[in-house]
């Protein structure tokens, strides 16, 4: 929770003419646990665009270290 999210790593963008379409990511909030929807839009040099909604599950980060104890005997 609260960490940044690299949505670009969750999608693959290709275009038949433009080797480097512009990818924009809508706003999102990772401060609360739960499922969120993030809109990702790709726009090519000709102005054609496609939008997809990506589902992301936000979970609380485990910050506690494991406990190790010596066995008796």
Protein backbone atom coordinates (compact mmCIF):
# COMPACT_ATOMS: atom_id res chain seq x y z
CA UNK A 1 0.00 0.00 0.00
CA UNK A 2 1.15 3.49 -0.76
CA UNK A 3 3.94 2.38 -3.08
CA UNK A 4 4.27 3.62 -6.62
CA UNK A 5 2.92 1.40 -9.36
CA UNK A 6 4.53 0.85 -12.74
CA UNK A 7 1.40 0.29 -14.83
CA UNK A 8 3.47 0.38 -18.02
CA UNK A 9 4.95 -2.95 -16.91
CA UNK A 10 1.44 -4.45 -16.95
CA UNK A 11 0.64 -3.69 -20.60
CA UNK A 12 2.25 -4.19 -24.00
CA UNK A 13 1.73 -1.54 -26.67
CA UNK A 14 2.31 -2.11 -30.39
CA UNK A 15 1.37 -0.15 -33.50
CA UNK A 16 1.64 -1.00 -37.20
CA UNK A 17 3.33 2.32 -38.11
CA UNK A 18 4.55 4.02 -34.93
CA UNK A 19 7.35 2.20 -33.11
CA UNK A 20 6.97 4.38 -30.03
CA UNK A 21 3.33 5.26 -29.24
CA UNK A 22 2.73 7.57 -26.28
CA UNK A 23 1.35 5.77 -23.22
CA UNK A 24 -0.59 7.72 -20.60
CA UNK A 25 -1.83 6.35 -17.30
CA UNK A 26 -4.93 7.63 -15.52
CA UNK A 27 -4.89 8.58 -11.86
CA UNK A 28 -5.03 5.91 -9.18
CA UNK A 29 -4.71 5.60 -5.41
CA UNK A 30 -2.60 2.89 -3.76
CA UNK A 31 -3.06 4.19 -0.21
CA UNK A 32 -5.95 1.81 0.54
CA UNK A 33 -6.09 -1.97 0.31
CA UNK A 34 -8.37 -3.47 -2.33
CA UNK A 35 -8.92 -3.75 -6.07
CA UNK A 36 -8.40 -0.66 -8.20
CA UNK A 37 -8.99 0.03 -11.88
CA UNK A 38 -6.35 1.95 -13.83
CA UNK A 39 -6.95 3.31 -17.34
CA UNK A 40 -4.02 3.12 -19.75
CA UNK A 41 -4.22 4.90 -23.12
CA UNK A 42 -1.84 4.48 -26.06
CA UNK A 43 -1.78 7.12 -28.80
CA UNK A 44 0.19 6.80 -32.04
CA UNK A 45 1.74 9.54 -34.17
CA UNK A 46 -1.41 9.70 -36.33
CA UNK A 47 -3.58 10.47 -33.30
CA UNK A 48 -5.22 7.04 -33.12
CA UNK A 49 -5.71 5.89 -29.55
CA UNK A 50 -6.87 2.89 -27.59
CA UNK A 51 -7.72 2.72 -23.89
CA UNK A 52 -7.66 -0.38 -21.70
CA UNK A 53 -8.60 -0.74 -18.04
CA UNK A 54 -6.15 -2.74 -15.93
CA UNK A 55 -7.24 -4.31 -12.64
CA UNK A 56 -4.68 -4.11 -9.84
CA UNK A 57 -4.94 -5.56 -6.34
CA UNK A 58 -3.43 -3.31 -3.65
CA UNK A 59 -2.26 -5.26 -0.61
CA UNK A 60 -0.70 -4.18 2.66
CA UNK A 61 3.07 -4.47 2.61
CA UNK A 62 4.58 -7.01 5.00
CA UNK A 63 7.01 -5.01 7.13
CA UNK A 64 7.60 -7.45 10.00
CA UNK A 65 10.75 -9.55 10.04
CA UNK A 66 10.47 -13.28 10.72
CA UNK A 67 11.14 -14.52 14.26
CA UNK A 68 13.88 -17.10 14.85
CA UNK A 69 14.20 -18.92 18.17
CA UNK A 70 16.63 -21.61 19.30
CA UNK A 71 15.18 -25.02 20.12
CA UNK A 72 15.61 -26.15 23.73
CA UNK A 73 17.54 -29.31 24.45
